[in-house]
Amino acid sequence: MPKMIFVNLPVTDLARSTAFYEAIGATRNPMFSDETAACMVFSDTIHAMLLTHDKWRTFTDRTIPDAQASAQVLLCLSEDSRAGVDRVIDAGAAAEGRGDPNPRQDYGFMYGRSVADPDGHIWEVMWMDPAAVAQGPEAFAANDLAPA
């Protein structure tokens, strides 16, 4: 079985957040969803668990940060094309999200934009040219994107 990731996010309005995530391409899994949580499936291995604040508090007593004012994580999903990146961002903005809270990134071989969900959680959406990836580190170094 491949490793899976379940990103847990506190949300203020479960129905609104579920609609946003469906708009950007996730599917609600009813087996792991109820009136306190929605399991949003991006792929066989990537899931976002949307939790009401009351449900969130059953997992931790730490303060729920205001994602509109602070960032604890930046999440990133890949797309198969530049047009796919634009489609996801536009769909998220139309579903009560905020498109491009961070500057667009366009390096030619790599393209990325971001969208904030209704609670302010930022999702980066990116595309990389498979030919550039196949070149290895040299493609990144030529664009000052090599890891430090």
N, C-alpha and C. Protein backbone atom coordinates (compact mmCIF):
# COMPACT_ATOMS: atom_id res chain seq x y z
N MET A 1 0.85 -1.18 0.00
CA MET A 1 0.00 0.00 0.00
C MET A 1 0.89 1.25 0.00
N PRO A 2 0.64 2.18 -0.90
CA PRO A 2 1.46 3.40 -0.92
C PRO A 2 1.18 4.28 0.30
N LYS A 3 2.17 5.08 0.67
CA LYS A 3 1.95 6.04 1.75
C LYS A 3 0.89 7.03 1.30
N MET A 4 0.08 7.44 2.25
CA MET A 4 -0.98 8.40 1.97
C MET A 4 -0.78 9.61 2.86
N ILE A 5 -1.32 10.75 2.44
CA ILE A 5 -1.28 11.94 3.28
C ILE A 5 -2.70 12.41 3.50
N PHE A 6 -2.99 12.76 4.74
CA PHE A 6 -4.27 13.34 5.14
C PHE A 6 -3.95 14.69 5.79
N VAL A 7 -4.15 15.75 5.06
CA VAL A 7 -3.93 17.10 5.57
C VAL A 7 -5.20 17.49 6.33
N ASN A 8 -5.07 17.79 7.60
CA ASN A 8 -6.22 18.18 8.42
C ASN A 8 -6.27 19.70 8.53
N LEU A 9 -7.43 20.27 8.22
CA LEU A 9 -7.59 21.73 8.24
C LEU A 9 -8.83 22.11 9.03
N PRO A 10 -8.70 23.07 9.96
CA PRO A 10 -9.88 23.56 10.67
C PRO A 10 -10.64 24.53 9.76
N VAL A 11 -11.96 24.40 9.71
CA VAL A 11 -12.78 25.27 8.86
C VAL A 11 -13.94 25.85 9.66
N THR A 12 -14.36 27.04 9.28
CA THR A 12 -15.46 27.69 10.00
C THR A 12 -16.83 27.32 9.47
N ASP A 13 -16.91 26.94 8.20
CA ASP A 13 -18.19 26.59 7.58
C ASP A 13 -17.94 25.36 6.71
N LEU A 14 -18.31 24.19 7.21
CA LEU A 14 -17.99 22.93 6.55
C LEU A 14 -18.61 22.84 5.15
N ALA A 15 -19.84 23.25 5.00
CA ALA A 15 -20.50 23.17 3.68
C ALA A 15 -19.81 24.08 2.67
N ARG A 16 -19.49 25.30 3.08
CA ARG A 16 -18.82 26.24 2.18
C ARG A 16 -17.44 25.71 1.79
N SER A 17 -16.70 25.19 2.77
CA SER A 17 -15.37 24.65 2.48
C SER A 17 -15.45 23.42 1.59
N THR A 18 -16.42 22.56 1.83
CA THR A 18 -16.60 21.37 0.98
C THR A 18 -16.85 21.80 -0.46
N ALA A 19 -17.69 22.78 -0.66
CA ALA A 19 -17.98 23.28 -2.01
C ALA A 19 -16.72 23.84 -2.67
N PHE A 20 -15.90 24.56 -1.91
CA PHE A 20 -14.65 25.09 -2.45
C PHE A 20 -13.75 23.96 -2.92
N TYR A 21 -13.55 22.95 -2.08
CA TYR A 21 -12.64 21.86 -2.43
C TYR A 21 -13.18 21.03 -3.60
N GLU A 22 -14.48 20.88 -3.68
CA GLU A 22 -15.05 20.21 -4.86
C GLU A 22 -14.78 21.04 -6.11
N ALA A 23 -14.86 22.36 -6.00
CA ALA A 23 -14.62 23.24 -7.15
C ALA A 23 -13.19 23.13 -7.66
N ILE A 24 -12.23 22.87 -6.77
CA ILE A 24 -10.84 22.78 -7.24
C ILE A 24 -10.44 21.34 -7.56
N GLY A 25 -11.40 20.44 -7.58
CA GLY A 25 -11.13 19.10 -8.09
C GLY A 25 -11.14 17.95 -7.11
N ALA A 26 -11.40 18.20 -5.84
CA ALA A 26 -11.47 17.12 -4.87
C ALA A 26 -12.88 16.52 -4.86
N THR A 27 -12.97 15.28 -4.43
CA THR A 27 -14.25 14.58 -4.31
C THR A 27 -14.47 14.24 -2.85
N ARG A 28 -15.67 14.48 -2.35
CA ARG A 28 -16.00 14.17 -0.95
C ARG A 28 -16.21 12.67 -0.79
N ASN A 29 -15.48 12.07 0.16
CA ASN A 29 -15.64 10.65 0.46
C ASN A 29 -16.64 10.53 1.61
N PRO A 30 -17.87 10.07 1.33
CA PRO A 30 -18.89 10.02 2.38
C PRO A 30 -18.57 9.04 3.51
N MET A 31 -17.71 8.05 3.25
CA MET A 31 -17.38 7.08 4.29
C MET A 31 -16.67 7.74 5.47
N PHE A 32 -15.92 8.82 5.20
CA PHE A 32 -15.18 9.49 6.26
C PHE A 32 -15.64 10.93 6.44
N SER A 33 -16.90 11.17 6.18
CA SER A 33 -17.47 12.52 6.30
C SER A 33 -18.76 12.45 7.11
N ASP A 34 -19.01 13.50 7.85
CA ASP A 34 -20.26 13.64 8.58
C ASP A 34 -20.52 15.12 8.80
N GLU A 35 -21.32 15.49 9.77
CA GLU A 35 -21.63 16.90 10.00
C GLU A 35 -20.48 17.66 10.66
N THR A 36 -19.42 16.96 11.06
CA THR A 36 -18.27 17.60 11.70
C THR A 36 -17.00 17.55 10.86
N ALA A 37 -17.02 16.75 9.80
CA ALA A 37 -15.81 16.56 9.01
C ALA A 37 -16.16 16.16 7.57
N ALA A 38 -15.29 16.55 6.65
CA ALA A 38 -15.42 16.12 5.26
C ALA A 38 -14.06 15.65 4.78
N CYS A 39 -14.01 14.44 4.28
CA CYS A 39 -12.78 13.89 3.70
C CYS A 39 -12.81 14.21 2.22
N MET A 40 -11.90 15.08 1.79
CA MET A 40 -11.84 15.52 0.39
C MET A 40 -10.67 14.82 -0.28
N VAL A 41 -10.96 14.08 -1.34
CA VAL A 41 -9.98 13.23 -2.00
C VAL A 41 -9.48 13.89 -3.28
N PHE A 42 -8.18 14.13 -3.35
CA PHE A 42 -7.54 14.66 -4.56
C PHE A 42 -7.02 13.52 -5.43
N SER A 43 -6.56 12.45 -4.81
CA SER A 43 -6.04 11.28 -5.53
C SER A 43 -6.09 10.10 -4.56
N ASP A 44 -5.63 8.96 -5.02
CA ASP A 44 -5.61 7.78 -4.15
C ASP A 44 -4.73 7.98 -2.92
N THR A 45 -3.81 8.94 -2.98
CA THR A 45 -2.88 9.13 -1.87
C THR A 45 -2.94 10.50 -1.20
N ILE A 46 -3.74 11.41 -1.73
CA ILE A 46 -3.80 12.77 -1.19
C ILE A 46 -5.23 13.10 -0.76
N HIS A 47 -5.38 13.43 0.52
CA HIS A 47 -6.69 13.75 1.08
C HIS A 47 -6.59 14.99 1.96
N ALA A 48 -7.64 15.78 1.97
CA ALA A 48 -7.74 16.90 2.91
C ALA A 48 -8.93 16.62 3.82
N MET A 49 -8.67 16.60 5.11
CA MET A 49 -9.73 16.41 6.10
C MET A 49 -10.15 17.80 6.60
N LEU A 50 -11.36 18.19 6.25
CA LEU A 50 -11.90 19.47 6.70
C LEU A 50 -12.65 19.21 8.00
N LEU A 51 -12.25 19.91 9.04
CA LEU A 51 -12.80 19.66 10.38
C LEU A 51 -13.41 20.94 10.94
N THR A 52 -14.64 20.83 11.46
CA THR A 52 -15.20 21.97 12.16
C THR A 52 -14.30 22.30 13.34
N HIS A 53 -14.41 23.49 13.85
CA HIS A 53 -13.55 23.87 14.98
C HIS A 53 -13.79 22.96 16.18
N ASP A 54 -15.05 22.60 16.44
CA ASP A 54 -15.33 21.70 17.56
C ASP A 54 -14.66 20.34 17.36
N LYS A 55 -14.70 19.81 16.15
CA LYS A 55 -14.06 18.52 15.85
C LYS A 55 -12.54 18.66 15.98
N TRP A 56 -12.00 19.75 15.46
CA TRP A 56 -10.55 20.01 15.53
C TRP A 56 -10.08 19.94 16.98
N ARG A 57 -10.84 20.56 17.87
CA ARG A 57 -10.46 20.63 19.28
C ARG A 57 -10.43 19.27 19.96
N THR A 58 -11.02 18.24 19.36
CA THR A 58 -10.92 16.89 19.94
C THR A 58 -9.56 16.27 19.66
N PHE A 59 -8.78 16.85 18.74
CA PHE A 59 -7.46 16.34 18.39
C PHE A 59 -6.33 17.08 19.10
N THR A 60 -6.54 18.35 19.43
CA THR A 60 -5.49 19.13 20.07
C THR A 60 -6.10 20.26 20.88
N ASP A 61 -5.38 20.64 21.93
CA ASP A 61 -5.85 21.79 22.71
C ASP A 61 -5.12 23.06 22.30
N ARG A 62 -4.29 22.99 21.27
CA ARG A 62 -3.61 24.18 20.77
C ARG A 62 -4.61 25.13 20.11
N THR A 63 -4.27 26.39 20.15
CA THR A 63 -5.11 27.42 19.54
C THR A 63 -5.21 27.21 18.04
N ILE A 64 -6.39 27.38 17.50
CA ILE A 64 -6.58 27.32 16.06
C ILE A 64 -6.11 28.65 15.49
N PRO A 65 -5.06 28.63 14.66
CA PRO A 65 -4.58 29.90 14.11
C PRO A 65 -5.56 30.48 13.09
N ASP A 66 -5.55 31.77 12.97
CA ASP A 66 -6.36 32.45 11.97
C ASP A 66 -5.58 32.42 10.66
N ALA A 67 -5.96 31.54 9.75
CA ALA A 67 -5.23 31.38 8.50
C ALA A 67 -5.36 32.59 7.58
N GLN A 68 -6.29 33.51 7.90
CA GLN A 68 -6.39 34.76 7.13
C GLN A 68 -5.26 35.71 7.52
N ALA A 69 -4.72 35.53 8.74
CA ALA A 69 -3.72 36.46 9.25
C ALA A 69 -2.33 35.85 9.39
N SER A 70 -2.25 34.52 9.42
CA SER A 70 -0.96 33.86 9.60
C SER A 70 -0.90 32.63 8.72
N ALA A 71 0.30 32.14 8.51
CA ALA A 71 0.48 30.92 7.71
C ALA A 71 1.33 29.94 8.50
N GLN A 72 0.77 28.78 8.75
CA GLN A 72 1.54 27.74 9.43
C GLN A 72 2.10 26.76 8.40
N VAL A 73 1.39 26.58 7.31
CA VAL A 73 1.86 25.70 6.23
C VAL A 73 1.47 26.30 4.89
N LEU A 74 2.20 25.92 3.86
CA LEU A 74 1.81 26.18 2.48
C LEU A 74 1.70 24.80 1.84
N LEU A 75 0.57 24.52 1.27
CA LEU A 75 0.33 23.22 0.67
C LEU A 75 0.47 23.35 -0.83
N CYS A 76 0.92 22.31 -1.50
CA CYS A 76 1.14 22.40 -2.93
C CYS A 76 0.63 21.15 -3.62
N LEU A 77 -0.08 21.36 -4.72
CA LEU A 77 -0.55 20.28 -5.58
C LEU A 77 0.01 20.51 -6.98
N SER A 78 0.28 19.44 -7.68
CA SER A 78 0.74 19.58 -9.06
C SER A 78 -0.43 19.45 -10.02
N GLU A 79 -0.24 20.01 -11.19
CA GLU A 79 -1.19 19.87 -12.30
C GLU A 79 -0.41 19.42 -13.52
N ASP A 80 -1.11 18.89 -14.50
CA ASP A 80 -0.47 18.36 -15.70
C ASP A 80 -0.13 19.42 -16.74
N SER A 81 -0.59 20.65 -16.55
CA SER A 81 -0.34 21.70 -17.55
C SER A 81 -0.47 23.07 -16.91
N ARG A 82 0.04 24.08 -17.61
CA ARG A 82 -0.13 25.46 -17.17
C ARG A 82 -1.63 25.80 -17.15
N ALA A 83 -2.34 25.37 -18.18
CA ALA A 83 -3.79 25.63 -18.24
C ALA A 83 -4.51 24.98 -17.06
N GLY A 84 -4.03 23.81 -16.63
CA GLY A 84 -4.62 23.15 -15.47
C GLY A 84 -4.42 23.98 -14.21
N VAL A 85 -3.25 24.58 -14.06
CA VAL A 85 -2.98 25.46 -12.92
C VAL A 85 -3.98 26.61 -12.93
N ASP A 86 -4.11 27.26 -14.07
CA ASP A 86 -5.04 28.40 -14.18
C ASP A 86 -6.48 27.98 -13.90
N ARG A 87 -6.86 26.80 -14.41
CA ARG A 87 -8.23 26.31 -14.20
C ARG A 87 -8.53 26.13 -12.71
N VAL A 88 -7.61 25.52 -11.99
CA VAL A 88 -7.82 25.28 -10.55
C VAL A 88 -7.92 26.60 -9.79
N ILE A 89 -7.01 27.53 -10.08
CA ILE A 89 -7.03 28.81 -9.37
C ILE A 89 -8.32 29.56 -9.67
N ASP A 90 -8.72 29.60 -10.93
CA ASP A 90 -9.95 30.30 -11.30
C ASP A 90 -11.18 29.66 -10.65
N ALA A 91 -11.21 28.33 -10.62
CA ALA A 91 -12.33 27.63 -10.00
C ALA A 91 -12.38 27.91 -8.50
N GLY A 92 -11.22 27.92 -7.85
CA GLY A 92 -11.18 28.21 -6.42
C GLY A 92 -11.62 29.63 -6.11
N ALA A 93 -11.19 30.58 -6.92
CA ALA A 93 -11.60 31.98 -6.72
C ALA A 93 -13.09 32.14 -6.91
N ALA A 94 -13.66 31.40 -7.84
CA ALA A 94 -15.11 31.48 -8.09
C ALA A 94 -15.92 30.79 -6.99
N ALA A 95 -15.27 29.97 -6.18
CA ALA A 95 -15.95 29.22 -5.12
C ALA A 95 -15.61 29.79 -3.74
N GLU A 96 -15.59 31.10 -3.64
CA GLU A 96 -15.37 31.82 -2.39
C GLU A 96 -13.93 31.75 -1.87
N GLY A 97 -13.00 31.37 -2.74
CA GLY A 97 -11.59 31.43 -2.38
C GLY A 97 -11.00 32.75 -2.85
N ARG A 98 -9.72 32.93 -2.62
CA ARG A 98 -9.04 34.14 -3.08
C ARG A 98 -7.88 33.72 -3.97
N GLY A 99 -7.98 34.06 -5.24
CA GLY A 99 -6.95 33.71 -6.18
C GLY A 99 -5.71 34.57 -6.03
N ASP A 100 -4.57 33.95 -6.16
CA ASP A 100 -3.28 34.62 -6.16
C ASP A 100 -3.00 35.48 -4.92
N PRO A 101 -3.14 34.90 -3.71
CA PRO A 101 -2.73 35.66 -2.53
C PRO A 101 -1.21 35.84 -2.49
N ASN A 102 -0.49 35.01 -3.20
CA ASN A 102 0.96 35.12 -3.35
C ASN A 102 1.25 35.41 -4.83
N PRO A 103 2.39 36.01 -5.14
CA PRO A 103 2.71 36.30 -6.54
C PRO A 103 2.80 35.03 -7.39
N ARG A 104 2.41 35.16 -8.65
CA ARG A 104 2.57 34.06 -9.60
C ARG A 104 4.06 33.80 -9.79
N GLN A 105 4.39 32.57 -10.10
CA GLN A 105 5.77 32.19 -10.39
C GLN A 105 5.81 31.60 -11.78
N ASP A 106 6.60 32.20 -12.66
CA ASP A 106 6.71 31.70 -14.02
C ASP A 106 8.17 31.70 -14.43
N TYR A 107 8.74 30.49 -14.44
CA TYR A 107 10.13 30.32 -14.83
C TYR A 107 10.24 29.67 -16.21
N GLY A 108 9.14 29.65 -16.95
CA GLY A 108 9.12 29.01 -18.25
C GLY A 108 8.90 27.52 -18.13
N PHE A 109 9.86 26.80 -17.54
CA PHE A 109 9.73 25.36 -17.37
C PHE A 109 8.92 24.99 -16.12
N MET A 110 8.67 25.99 -15.26
CA MET A 110 7.90 25.77 -14.04
C MET A 110 6.97 26.97 -13.86
N TYR A 111 5.71 26.67 -13.54
CA TYR A 111 4.68 27.70 -13.43
C TYR A 111 3.83 27.41 -12.21
N GLY A 112 3.60 28.42 -11.39
CA GLY A 112 2.80 28.21 -10.20
C GLY A 112 1.97 29.42 -9.82
N ARG A 113 0.83 29.13 -9.25
CA ARG A 113 -0.06 30.15 -8.71
C ARG A 113 -0.61 29.62 -7.39
N SER A 114 -1.34 30.44 -6.67
CA SER A 114 -1.90 29.99 -5.40
C SER A 114 -3.34 30.46 -5.26
N VAL A 115 -4.03 29.76 -4.37
CA VAL A 115 -5.41 30.11 -4.04
C VAL A 115 -5.60 29.86 -2.55
N ALA A 116 -6.28 30.79 -1.89
CA ALA A 116 -6.60 30.61 -0.47
C ALA A 116 -8.03 30.12 -0.38
N ASP A 117 -8.25 29.10 0.45
CA ASP A 117 -9.62 28.61 0.63
C ASP A 117 -10.40 29.63 1.46
N PRO A 118 -11.70 29.43 1.68
CA PRO A 118 -12.49 30.43 2.41
C PRO A 118 -11.97 30.76 3.80
N ASP A 119 -11.21 29.84 4.41
CA ASP A 119 -10.65 30.10 5.73
C ASP A 119 -9.24 30.69 5.67
N GLY A 120 -8.68 30.81 4.47
CA GLY A 120 -7.36 31.41 4.33
C GLY A 120 -6.22 30.43 4.16
N HIS A 121 -6.47 29.12 4.17
CA HIS A 121 -5.42 28.13 3.96
C HIS A 121 -4.96 28.24 2.51
N ILE A 122 -3.65 28.41 2.31
CA ILE A 122 -3.12 28.64 0.97
C ILE A 122 -2.68 27.33 0.33
N TRP A 123 -3.17 27.14 -0.88
CA TRP A 123 -2.77 26.01 -1.72
C TRP A 123 -2.02 26.54 -2.92
N GLU A 124 -0.78 26.12 -3.06
CA GLU A 124 -0.01 26.40 -4.26
C GLU A 124 -0.39 25.34 -5.29
N VAL A 125 -0.50 25.74 -6.54
CA VAL A 125 -0.77 24.80 -7.61
C VAL A 125 0.31 25.04 -8.66
N MET A 126 1.03 23.97 -9.03
CA MET A 126 2.17 24.17 -9.91
C MET A 126 2.23 23.13 -11.01
N TRP A 127 2.93 23.52 -12.07
CA TRP A 127 3.22 22.63 -13.20
C TRP A 127 4.71 22.74 -13.49
N MET A 128 5.34 21.60 -13.80
CA MET A 128 6.73 21.60 -14.26
C MET A 128 6.79 20.85 -15.57
N ASP A 129 7.54 21.40 -16.51
CA ASP A 129 7.74 20.78 -17.81
C ASP A 129 8.48 19.45 -17.61
N PRO A 130 7.86 18.34 -18.01
CA PRO A 130 8.51 17.04 -17.82
C PRO A 130 9.89 16.95 -18.47
N ALA A 131 10.09 17.64 -19.59
CA ALA A 131 11.41 17.62 -20.24
C ALA A 131 12.47 18.28 -19.37
N ALA A 132 12.11 19.35 -18.69
CA ALA A 132 13.06 20.02 -17.79
C ALA A 132 13.36 19.14 -16.58
N VAL A 133 12.34 18.47 -16.06
CA VAL A 133 12.55 17.59 -14.92
C VAL A 133 13.49 16.45 -15.32
N ALA A 134 13.32 15.95 -16.53
CA ALA A 134 14.17 14.85 -17.00
C ALA A 134 15.64 15.27 -17.12
N GLN A 135 15.90 16.57 -17.30
CA GLN A 135 17.28 17.06 -17.39
C GLN A 135 17.98 17.01 -16.04
N GLY A 136 17.21 16.96 -14.98
CA GLY A 136 17.81 16.89 -13.66
C GLY A 136 18.18 18.26 -13.11
N PRO A 137 19.09 18.27 -12.14
CA PRO A 137 19.44 19.50 -11.42
C PRO A 137 19.92 20.64 -12.31
N GLU A 138 20.50 20.30 -13.46
CA GLU A 138 21.02 21.34 -14.34
C GLU A 138 19.93 22.31 -14.77
N ALA A 139 18.74 21.81 -15.03
CA ALA A 139 17.64 22.69 -15.45
C ALA A 139 17.29 23.67 -14.34
N PHE A 140 17.35 23.22 -13.11
CA PHE A 140 17.01 24.09 -11.99
C PHE A 140 18.13 25.10 -11.71
N ALA A 141 19.37 24.64 -11.80
CA ALA A 141 20.52 25.51 -11.54
C ALA A 141 20.56 26.65 -12.56
N ALA A 142 20.22 26.35 -13.79
CA ALA A 142 20.25 27.38 -14.84
C ALA A 142 19.22 28.47 -14.58
N ASN A 143 18.25 28.17 -13.73
CA ASN A 143 17.20 29.14 -13.41
C ASN A 143 17.26 29.62 -11.97
N ASP A 144 18.41 29.42 -11.32
CA ASP A 144 18.60 29.80 -9.92
C ASP A 144 17.56 29.18 -9.00
N LEU A 145 17.15 27.96 -9.28
CA LEU A 145 16.19 27.26 -8.44
C LEU A 145 16.78 26.03 -7.77
N ALA A 146 18.09 25.89 -7.86
CA ALA A 146 18.74 24.73 -7.25
C ALA A 146 18.62 24.82 -5.74
N PRO A 147 18.42 23.67 -5.09
CA PRO A 147 18.36 23.68 -3.63
C PRO A 147 19.67 24.18 -3.04
N ALA A 148 19.59 24.86 -1.91
CA ALA A 148 20.79 25.40 -1.27
C ALA A 148 21.58 24.30 -0.61
